[in-house]
PDB file of all heavy atoms in Angstrom:
ATOM      1  N   HIS A   1     -70.158 -20.718 233.252  1.00  0.00           N
ATOM      2  CA  HIS A   1     -69.673 -21.799 234.112  1.00  0.00           C
ATOM      3  C   HIS A   1     -68.267 -22.237 233.754  1.00  0.00           C
ATOM      4  O   HIS A   1     -67.574 -22.825 234.589  1.00  0.00           O
ATOM      5  CB  HIS A   1     -70.609 -23.005 234.038  1.00  0.00           C
ATOM      6  CG  HIS A   1     -72.005 -22.698 234.490  1.00  0.00           C
ATOM      7  ND1 HIS A   1     -73.061 -23.592 234.322  1.00  0.00           N
ATOM      8  CD2 HIS A   1     -72.541 -21.607 235.112  1.00  0.00           C
ATOM      9  CE1 HIS A   1     -74.168 -23.053 234.810  1.00  0.00           C
ATOM     10  NE2 HIS A   1     -73.879 -21.852 235.286  1.00  0.00           N
ATOM     11  N   MET A   2     -67.864 -21.982 232.521  1.00  0.00           N
ATOM     12  CA  MET A   2     -66.527 -22.371 232.053  1.00  0.00           C
ATOM     13  C   MET A   2     -66.055 -21.325 231.049  1.00  0.00           C
ATOM     14  O   MET A   2     -66.862 -20.742 230.323  1.00  0.00           O
ATOM     15  CB  MET A   2     -66.559 -23.763 231.406  1.00  0.00           C
ATOM     16  CG  MET A   2     -65.209 -24.274 230.928  1.00  0.00           C
ATOM     17  SD  MET A   2     -65.285 -25.946 230.192  1.00  0.00           S
ATOM     18  CE  MET A   2     -65.480 -26.954 231.669  1.00  0.00           C
ATOM     19  N   ALA A   3     -64.751 -21.076 231.026  1.00  0.00           N
ATOM     20  CA  ALA A   3     -64.240 -20.034 230.126  1.00  0.00           C
ATOM     21  C   ALA A   3     -62.801 -20.304 229.731  1.00  0.00           C
ATOM     22  O   ALA A   3     -62.036 -20.942 230.469  1.00  0.00           O
ATOM     23  CB  ALA A   3     -64.341 -18.664 230.797  1.00  0.00           C
ATOM     24  N   LEU A   4     -62.454 -19.806 228.568  1.00  0.00           N
ATOM     25  CA  LEU A   4     -61.057 -19.749 228.154  1.00  0.00           C
ATOM     26  C   LEU A   4     -60.425 -18.550 228.837  1.00  0.00           C
ATOM     27  O   LEU A   4     -61.021 -17.471 228.886  1.00  0.00           O
ATOM     28  CB  LEU A   4     -60.978 -19.578 226.632  1.00  0.00           C
ATOM     29  CG  LEU A   4     -59.583 -19.381 226.031  1.00  0.00           C
ATOM     30  CD1 LEU A   4     -58.756 -20.660 226.147  1.00  0.00           C
ATOM     31  CD2 LEU A   4     -59.688 -18.956 224.558  1.00  0.00           C
ATOM     32  N   GLY A   5     -59.248 -18.722 229.409  1.00  0.00           N
ATOM     33  CA  GLY A   5     -58.631 -17.583 230.083  1.00  0.00           C
ATOM     34  C   GLY A   5     -57.165 -17.807 230.374  1.00  0.00           C
ATOM     35  O   GLY A   5     -56.561 -18.796 229.944  1.00  0.00           O
ATOM     36  N   TYR A   6     -56.611 -16.855 231.096  1.00  0.00           N
ATOM     37  CA  TYR A   6     -55.197 -16.864 231.441  1.00  0.00           C
ATOM     38  C   TYR A   6     -55.011 -17.250 232.906  1.00  0.00           C
ATOM     39  O   TYR A   6     -55.882 -17.011 233.750  1.00  0.00           O
ATOM     40  CB  TYR A   6     -54.595 -15.468 231.243  1.00  0.00           C
ATOM     41  CG  TYR A   6     -54.756 -14.893 229.865  1.00  0.00           C
ATOM     42  CD1 TYR A   6     -55.783 -13.988 229.589  1.00  0.00           C
ATOM     43  CD2 TYR A   6     -53.884 -15.230 228.844  1.00  0.00           C
ATOM     44  CE1 TYR A   6     -55.930 -13.430 228.326  1.00  0.00           C
ATOM     45  CE2 TYR A   6     -54.023 -14.676 227.571  1.00  0.00           C
ATOM     46  CZ  TYR A   6     -55.042 -13.781 227.318  1.00  0.00           C
ATOM     47  OH  TYR A   6     -55.186 -13.235 226.069  1.00  0.00           O
ATOM     48  N   SER A   7     -53.861 -17.825 233.210  1.00  0.00           N
ATOM     49  CA  SER A   7     -53.537 -18.071 234.612  1.00  0.00           C
ATOM     50  C   SER A   7     -53.557 -16.738 235.346  1.00  0.00           C
ATOM     51  O   SER A   7     -53.051 -15.738 234.860  1.00  0.00           O
ATOM     52  CB  SER A   7     -52.150 -18.722 234.726  1.00  0.00           C
ATOM     53  OG  SER A   7     -51.158 -17.942 234.063  1.00  0.00           O
ATOM     54  N   GLY A   8     -54.169 -16.730 236.503  1.00  0.00           N
ATOM     55  CA  GLY A   8     -54.340 -15.492 237.263  1.00  0.00           C
ATOM     56  C   GLY A   8     -55.732 -14.913 237.123  1.00  0.00           C
ATOM     57  O   GLY A   8     -56.204 -14.181 238.008  1.00  0.00           O
ATOM     58  N   ASP A   9     -56.430 -15.247 236.025  1.00  0.00           N
ATOM     59  CA  ASP A   9     -57.790 -14.719 235.827  1.00  0.00           C
ATOM     60  C   ASP A   9     -58.741 -15.186 236.919  1.00  0.00           C
ATOM     61  O   ASP A   9     -59.706 -14.491 237.245  1.00  0.00           O
ATOM     62  CB  ASP A   9     -58.338 -15.151 234.466  1.00  0.00           C
ATOM     63  CG  ASP A   9     -57.840 -14.294 233.322  1.00  0.00           C
ATOM     64  OD1 ASP A   9     -57.181 -13.269 233.592  1.00  0.00           O
ATOM     65  OD2 ASP A   9     -58.090 -14.651 232.154  1.00  0.00           O
ATOM     66  N   GLN A  10     -58.480 -16.374 237.474  1.00  0.00           N
ATOM     67  CA  GLN A  10     -59.392 -16.889 238.494  1.00  0.00           C
ATOM     68  C   GLN A  10     -59.455 -15.966 239.708  1.00  0.00           C
ATOM     69  O   GLN A  10     -60.517 -15.798 240.331  1.00  0.00           O
ATOM     70  CB  GLN A  10     -59.002 -18.313 238.912  1.00  0.00           C
ATOM     71  CG  GLN A  10     -57.710 -18.459 239.696  1.00  0.00           C
ATOM     72  CD  GLN A  10     -56.494 -18.613 238.806  1.00  0.00           C
ATOM     73  OE1 GLN A  10     -56.441 -18.077 237.705  1.00  0.00           O
ATOM     74  NE2 GLN A  10     -55.509 -19.360 239.290  1.00  0.00           N
ATOM     75  N   TYR A  11     -58.334 -15.343 240.049  1.00  0.00           N
ATOM     76  CA  TYR A  11     -58.317 -14.447 241.207  1.00  0.00           C
ATOM     77  C   TYR A  11     -59.098 -13.164 240.923  1.00  0.00           C
ATOM     78  O   TYR A  11     -59.821 -12.650 241.780  1.00  0.00           O
ATOM     79  CB  TYR A  11     -56.876 -14.119 241.593  1.00  0.00           C
ATOM     80  CG  TYR A  11     -56.086 -15.346 241.973  1.00  0.00           C
ATOM     81  CD1 TYR A  11     -55.159 -15.898 241.096  1.00  0.00           C
ATOM     82  CD2 TYR A  11     -56.279 -15.972 243.199  1.00  0.00           C
ATOM     83  CE1 TYR A  11     -54.440 -17.036 241.435  1.00  0.00           C
ATOM     84  CE2 TYR A  11     -55.562 -17.112 243.546  1.00  0.00           C
ATOM     85  CZ  TYR A  11     -54.648 -17.641 242.660  1.00  0.00           C
ATOM     86  OH  TYR A  11     -53.946 -18.765 242.994  1.00  0.00           O
ATOM     87  N   THR A  12     -58.960 -12.661 239.695  1.00  0.00           N
ATOM     88  CA  THR A  12     -59.722 -11.470 239.305  1.00  0.00           C
ATOM     89  C   THR A  12     -61.213 -11.777 239.262  1.00  0.00           C
ATOM     90  O   THR A  12     -62.043 -10.981 239.720  1.00  0.00           O
ATOM     91  CB  THR A  12     -59.252 -10.958 237.932  1.00  0.00           C
ATOM     92  OG1 THR A  12     -57.857 -10.659 237.990  1.00  0.00           O
ATOM     93  CG2 THR A  12     -60.007  -9.707 237.524  1.00  0.00           C
ATOM     94  N   LEU A  13     -61.564 -12.942 238.719  1.00  0.00           N
ATOM     95  CA  LEU A  13     -62.970 -13.328 238.665  1.00  0.00           C
ATOM     96  C   LEU A  13     -63.557 -13.453 240.065  1.00  0.00           C
ATOM     97  O   LEU A  13     -64.669 -12.980 240.331  1.00  0.00           O
ATOM     98  CB  LEU A  13     -63.125 -14.654 237.921  1.00  0.00           C
ATOM     99  CG  LEU A  13     -62.879 -14.626 236.412  1.00  0.00           C
ATOM    100  CD1 LEU A  13     -62.882 -16.042 235.854  1.00  0.00           C
ATOM    101  CD2 LEU A  13     -63.917 -13.775 235.698  1.00  0.00           C
ATOM    102  N   ASN A  14     -62.828 -14.082 240.962  1.00  0.00           N
ATOM    103  CA  ASN A  14     -63.320 -14.239 242.331  1.00  0.00           C
ATOM    104  C   ASN A  14     -63.503 -12.897 243.020  1.00  0.00           C
ATOM    105  O   ASN A  14     -64.432 -12.704 243.809  1.00  0.00           O
ATOM    106  CB  ASN A  14     -62.362 -15.127 243.131  1.00  0.00           C
ATOM    107  CG  ASN A  14     -62.445 -16.582 242.698  1.00  0.00           C
ATOM    108  OD1 ASN A  14     -63.481 -17.040 242.247  1.00  0.00           O
ATOM    109  ND2 ASN A  14     -61.348 -17.305 242.826  1.00  0.00           N
ATOM    110  N   ASP A  15     -62.610 -11.963 242.698  1.00  0.00           N
ATOM    111  CA  ASP A  15     -62.738 -10.618 243.247  1.00  0.00           C
ATOM    112  C   ASP A  15     -63.962  -9.916 242.667  1.00  0.00           C
ATOM    113  O   ASP A  15     -64.701  -9.233 243.393  1.00  0.00           O
ATOM    114  CB  ASP A  15     -61.467  -9.821 242.957  1.00  0.00           C
ATOM    115  CG  ASP A  15     -61.511  -8.416 243.544  1.00  0.00           C
ATOM    116  OD1 ASP A  15     -61.582  -8.299 244.779  1.00  0.00           O
ATOM    117  OD2 ASP A  15     -61.488  -7.439 242.774  1.00  0.00           O
ATOM    118  N   LYS A  16     -64.190 -10.086 241.367  1.00  0.00           N
ATOM    119  CA  LYS A  16     -65.330  -9.436 240.713  1.00  0.00           C
ATOM    120  C   LYS A  16     -66.662  -9.936 241.272  1.00  0.00           C
ATOM    121  O   LYS A  16     -67.625  -9.165 241.389  1.00  0.00           O
ATOM    122  CB  LYS A  16     -65.294  -9.681 239.201  1.00  0.00           C
ATOM    123  CG  LYS A  16     -64.104  -9.078 238.475  1.00  0.00           C
ATOM    124  CD  LYS A  16     -64.171  -7.579 238.396  1.00  0.00           C
ATOM    125  CE  LYS A  16     -63.037  -7.015 237.542  1.00  0.00           C
ATOM    126  NZ  LYS A  16     -63.007  -5.530 237.566  1.00  0.00           N
ATOM    127  N   VAL A  17     -66.721 -11.246 241.604  1.00  0.00           N
ATOM    128  CA  VAL A  17     -67.987 -11.805 242.088  1.00  0.00           C
ATOM    129  C   VAL A  17     -68.010 -11.909 243.613  1.00  0.00           C
ATOM    130  O   VAL A  17     -68.984 -12.420 244.189  1.00  0.00           O
ATOM    131  CB  VAL A  17     -68.253 -13.199 241.462  1.00  0.00           C
ATOM    132  CG1 VAL A  17     -68.344 -13.092 239.959  1.00  0.00           C
ATOM    133  CG2 VAL A  17     -67.170 -14.204 241.867  1.00  0.00           C
ATOM    134  N   SER A  18     -66.951 -11.401 244.250  1.00  0.00           N
ATOM    135  CA  SER A  18     -66.853 -11.392 245.724  1.00  0.00           C
ATOM    136  C   SER A  18     -67.077 -12.779 246.323  1.00  0.00           C
ATOM    137  O   SER A  18     -67.828 -12.952 247.294  1.00  0.00           O
ATOM    138  CB  SER A  18     -67.870 -10.398 246.317  1.00  0.00           C
ATOM    139  OG  SER A  18     -67.639  -9.088 245.834  1.00  0.00           O
ATOM    140  N   SER A  19     -66.410 -13.772 245.720  1.00  0.00           N
ATOM    141  CA  SER A  19     -66.558 -15.143 246.207  1.00  0.00           C
ATOM    142  C   SER A  19     -65.225 -15.874 246.070  1.00  0.00           C
ATOM    143  O   SER A  19     -64.997 -16.585 245.086  1.00  0.00           O
ATOM    144  CB  SER A  19     -67.650 -15.876 245.428  1.00  0.00           C
ATOM    145  OG  SER A  19     -67.849 -17.177 245.936  1.00  0.00           O
ATOM    146  N   PRO A  20     -64.324 -15.720 247.027  1.00  0.00           N
ATOM    147  CA  PRO A  20     -63.000 -16.359 246.962  1.00  0.00           C
ATOM    148  C   PRO A  20     -63.102 -17.868 246.774  1.00  0.00           C
ATOM    149  O   PRO A  20     -63.890 -18.540 247.449  1.00  0.00           O
ATOM    150  CB  PRO A  20     -62.383 -16.010 248.316  1.00  0.00           C
ATOM    151  CG  PRO A  20     -63.093 -14.779 248.763  1.00  0.00           C
ATOM    152  CD  PRO A  20     -64.508 -14.944 248.260  1.00  0.00           C
ATOM    153  N   GLY A  21     -62.318 -18.383 245.843  1.00  0.00           N
ATOM    154  CA  GLY A  21     -62.273 -19.818 245.622  1.00  0.00           C
ATOM    155  C   GLY A  21     -63.336 -20.371 244.704  1.00  0.00           C
ATOM    156  O   GLY A  21     -63.309 -21.553 244.348  1.00  0.00           O
ATOM    157  N   LEU A  22     -64.293 -19.518 244.284  1.00  0.00           N
ATOM    158  CA  LEU A  22     -65.365 -20.009 243.414  1.00  0.00           C
ATOM    159  C   LEU A  22     -64.819 -20.421 242.051  1.00  0.00           C
ATOM    160  O   LEU A  22     -65.100 -21.506 241.549  1.00  0.00           O
ATOM    161  CB  LEU A  22     -66.445 -18.936 243.238  1.00  0.00           C
ATOM    162  CG  LEU A  22     -67.605 -19.313 242.309  1.00  0.00           C
ATOM    163  CD1 LEU A  22     -68.422 -20.434 242.925  1.00  0.00           C
ATOM    164  CD2 LEU A  22     -68.486 -18.098 242.026  1.00  0.00           C
ATOM    165  N   TRP A  23     -64.028 -19.530 241.448  1.00  0.00           N
ATOM    166  CA  TRP A  23     -63.439 -19.810 240.143  1.00  0.00           C
ATOM    167  C   TRP A  23     -62.079 -20.475 240.314  1.00  0.00           C
ATOM    168  O   TRP A  23     -61.272 -20.056 241.142  1.00  0.00           O
ATOM    169  CB  TRP A  23     -63.293 -18.525 239.326  1.00  0.00           C
ATOM    170  CG  TRP A  23     -64.577 -18.090 238.700  1.00  0.00           C
ATOM    171  CD1 TRP A  23     -65.494 -17.221 239.209  1.00  0.00           C
ATOM    172  CD2 TRP A  23     -65.098 -18.528 237.436  1.00  0.00           C
ATOM    173  NE1 TRP A  23     -66.551 -17.077 238.354  1.00  0.00           N
ATOM    174  CE2 TRP A  23     -66.346 -17.866 237.249  1.00  0.00           C
ATOM    175  CE3 TRP A  23     -64.645 -19.399 236.457  1.00  0.00           C
ATOM    176  CZ2 TRP A  23     -67.130 -18.063 236.121  1.00  0.00           C
ATOM    177  CZ3 TRP A  23     -65.421 -19.593 235.321  1.00  0.00           C
ATOM    178  CH2 TRP A  23     -66.646 -18.925 235.155  1.00  0.00           C
ATOM    179  N   ARG A  24     -61.842 -21.517 239.524  1.00  0.00           N
ATOM    180  CA  ARG A  24     -60.569 -22.233 239.555  1.00  0.00           C
ATOM    181  C   ARG A  24     -59.978 -22.260 238.134  1.00  0.00           C
ATOM    182  O   ARG A  24     -60.661 -21.952 237.153  1.00  0.00           O
ATOM    183  CB  ARG A  24     -60.753 -23.667 240.060  1.00  0.00           C
ATOM    184  CG  ARG A  24     -61.394 -23.777 241.442  1.00  0.00           C
ATOM    185  CD  ARG A  24     -60.559 -23.119 242.523  1.00  0.00           C
ATOM    186  NE  ARG A  24     -59.234 -23.689 242.616  1.00  0.00           N
ATOM    187  CZ  ARG A  24     -58.917 -24.738 243.372  1.00  0.00           C
ATOM    188  NH1 ARG A  24     -59.855 -25.324 244.117  1.00  0.00           N
ATOM    189  NH2 ARG A  24     -57.681 -25.199 243.407  1.00  0.00           N
ATOM    190  N   TYR A  25     -58.722 -22.647 238.052  1.00  0.00           N
ATOM    191  CA  TYR A  25     -58.018 -22.625 236.767  1.00  0.00           C
ATOM    192  C   TYR A  25     -57.201 -23.902 236.608  1.00  0.00           C
ATOM    193  O   TYR A  25     -56.564 -24.363 237.566  1.00  0.00           O
ATOM    194  CB  TYR A  25     -57.089 -21.416 236.714  1.00  0.00           C
ATOM    195  CG  TYR A  25     -56.151 -21.381 235.525  1.00  0.00           C
ATOM    196  CD1 TYR A  25     -56.581 -20.888 234.297  1.00  0.00           C
ATOM    197  CD2 TYR A  25     -54.839 -21.835 235.625  1.00  0.00           C
ATOM    198  CE1 TYR A  25     -55.729 -20.859 233.201  1.00  0.00           C
ATOM    199  CE2 TYR A  25     -53.978 -21.801 234.538  1.00  0.00           C
ATOM    200  CZ  TYR A  25     -54.426 -21.311 233.328  1.00  0.00           C
ATOM    201  OH  TYR A  25     -53.579 -21.271 232.253  1.00  0.00           O
ATOM    202  N   VAL A  26     -57.234 -24.468 235.412  1.00  0.00           N
ATOM    203  CA  VAL A  26     -56.406 -25.640 235.116  1.00  0.00           C
ATOM    204  C   VAL A  26     -55.757 -25.486 233.746  1.00  0.00           C
ATOM    205  O   VAL A  26     -56.309 -24.845 232.843  1.00  0.00           O
ATOM    206  CB  VAL A  26     -57.225 -26.948 235.131  1.00  0.00           C
ATOM    207  CG1 VAL A  26     -57.763 -27.244 236.522  1.00  0.00           C
ATOM    208  CG2 VAL A  26     -58.356 -26.916 234.108  1.00  0.00           C
ATOM    209  N   VAL A  27     -54.577 -26.081 233.614  1.00  0.00           N
ATOM    210  CA  VAL A  27     -53.913 -26.183 232.314  1.00  0.00           C
ATOM    211  C   VAL A  27     -54.191 -27.579 231.769  1.00  0.00           C
ATOM    212  O   VAL A  27     -53.886 -28.579 232.431  1.00  0.00           O
ATOM    213  CB  VAL A  27     -52.398 -25.955 232.435  1.00  0.00           C
ATOM    214  CG1 VAL A  27     -51.724 -26.179 231.077  1.00  0.00           C
ATOM    215  CG2 VAL A  27     -52.107 -24.552 232.938  1.00  0.00           C
ATOM    216  N   PRO A  28     -54.798 -27.693 230.598  1.00  0.00           N
ATOM    217  CA  PRO A  28     -55.114 -29.015 230.040  1.00  0.00           C
ATOM    218  C   PRO A  28     -53.871 -29.877 229.818  1.00  0.00           C
ATOM    219  O   PRO A  28     -52.775 -29.379 229.586  1.00  0.00           O
ATOM    220  CB  PRO A  28     -55.789 -28.664 228.708  1.00  0.00           C
ATOM    221  CG  PRO A  28     -56.379 -27.313 228.941  1.00  0.00           C
ATOM    222  CD  PRO A  28     -55.366 -26.599 229.791  1.00  0.00           C
ATOM    223  N   LYS A  29     -54.082 -31.182 229.879  1.00  0.00           N
ATOM    224  CA  LYS A  29     -52.987 -32.149 229.820  1.00  0.00           C
ATOM    225  C   LYS A  29     -52.234 -32.121 228.490  1.00  0.00           C
ATOM    226  O   LYS A  29     -51.065 -32.510 228.422  1.00  0.00           O
ATOM    227  CB  LYS A  29     -53.524 -33.553 230.070  1.00  0.00           C
ATOM    228  CG  LYS A  29     -54.540 -34.020 229.027  1.00  0.00           C
ATOM    229  CD  LYS A  29     -55.143 -35.368 229.384  1.00  0.00           C
ATOM    230  CE  LYS A  29     -56.174 -35.817 228.347  1.00  0.00           C
ATOM    231  NZ  LYS A  29     -56.791 -37.114 228.733  1.00  0.00           N
ATOM    232  N   GLU A  30     -52.900 -31.657 227.423  1.00  0.00           N
ATOM    233  CA  GLU A  30     -52.249 -31.656 226.108  1.00  0.00           C
ATOM    234  C   GLU A  30     -51.170 -30.581 225.978  1.00  0.00           C
ATOM    235  O   GLU A  30     -50.381 -30.600 225.036  1.00  0.00           O
ATOM    236  CB  GLU A  30     -53.282 -31.436 224.994  1.00  0.00           C
ATOM    237  CG  GLU A  30     -54.316 -32.534 224.863  1.00  0.00           C
ATOM    238  CD  GLU A  30     -55.535 -32.300 225.743  1.00  0.00           C
ATOM    239  OE1 GLU A  30     -55.550 -31.311 226.511  1.00  0.00           O
ATOM    240  OE2 GLU A  30     -56.478 -33.104 225.652  1.00  0.00           O
ATOM    241  N   GLY A  31     -51.156 -29.625 226.915  1.00  0.00           N
ATOM    242  CA  GLY A  31     -50.225 -28.504 226.811  1.00  0.00           C
ATOM    243  C   GLY A  31     -50.962 -27.224 226.485  1.00  0.00           C
ATOM    244  O   GLY A  31     -52.189 -27.208 226.316  1.00  0.00           O
ATOM    245  N   THR A  32     -50.218 -26.140 226.334  1.00  0.00           N
ATOM    246  CA  THR A  32     -50.881 -24.850 226.140  1.00  0.00           C
ATOM    247  C   THR A  32     -49.898 -23.813 225.609  1.00  0.00           C
ATOM    248  O   THR A  32     -48.799 -24.138 225.167  1.00  0.00           O
ATOM    249  CB  THR A  32     -51.503 -24.375 227.479  1.00  0.00           C
ATOM    250  OG1 THR A  32     -52.288 -23.204 227.229  1.00  0.00           O
ATOM    251  CG2 THR A  32     -50.443 -24.067 228.517  1.00  0.00           C
ATOM    252  N   LEU A  33     -50.303 -22.572 225.706  1.00  0.00           N
ATOM    253  CA  LEU A  33     -49.472 -21.426 225.360  1.00  0.00           C
ATOM    254  C   LEU A  33     -48.814 -20.885 226.623  1.00  0.00           C
ATOM    255  O   LEU A  33     -49.476 -20.692 227.639  1.00  0.00           O
ATOM    256  CB  LEU A  33     -50.330 -20.327 224.729  1.00  0.00           C
ATOM    257  CG  LEU A  33     -49.681 -18.945 224.550  1.00  0.00           C
ATOM    258  CD1 LEU A  33     -48.649 -18.982 223.430  1.00  0.00           C
ATOM    259  CD2 LEU A  33     -50.736 -17.886 224.271  1.00  0.00           C
ATOM    260  N   SER A  34     -47.523 -20.661 226.582  1.00  0.00           N
ATOM    261  CA  SER A  34     -46.816 -19.952 227.656  1.00  0.00           C
ATOM    262  C   SER A  34     -46.600 -18.528 227.172  1.00  0.00           C
ATOM    263  O   SER A  34     -45.876 -18.296 226.210  1.00  0.00           O
ATOM    264  CB  SER A  34     -45.464 -20.621 227.959  1.00  0.00           C
ATOM    265  OG  SER A  34     -44.766 -19.882 228.945  1.00  0.00           O
TER     266      SER A  34
END
């Protein structure tokens, strides 16, 4: 239901499960790795 991942992974996940828009991605407010 939740995972650590990279920006762009949501599109690959949606393609893998054949459900566009199911997986979403956010960058936490504290910051992250670029």
